[in-house]
Amino acid sequence: MTLPSRLVISGVPGSGKSFFRRSARGDAGVLGPEADDNSIAFNAVWHAAQTGHAALVKASIVYAMHRHLAIELGFVPAEPALTGVRTLIAAGFDGWWFSADYPAP
């Protein structure tokens, strides 16, 4: 499978995002920060995405231009994280949603 060079993997908890991201990291050399890691790479891109400015996201990922970048975050669709995901998509990321049964709030 060929992955896009910029990918945001999102979905409800327990839907398989981490398994997929870890597999992609090993198979395709994907840099794969996730929200649970609290890594510098994730925080830089995610804080930029939360501003709603796609240009700021693009500037924050310059360090990874030579690699594939797959960012993972789990959330319930009603949460404010949608702003960040929409901004990542506007900045050129492909958005993949992982679905699973999840109890309603």
Foldseek 3Di string as FASTA:
>chain_A
DDDDLAAEEEEAPPLCRVVVQVVCCVPPVEDEEEPVVVDPLQVQLQVQLLVLALVSNVVSCPVPVVGRYYYYYYDDVVDPCVSSQVSSVVNPHDYDYRYDDDDDD
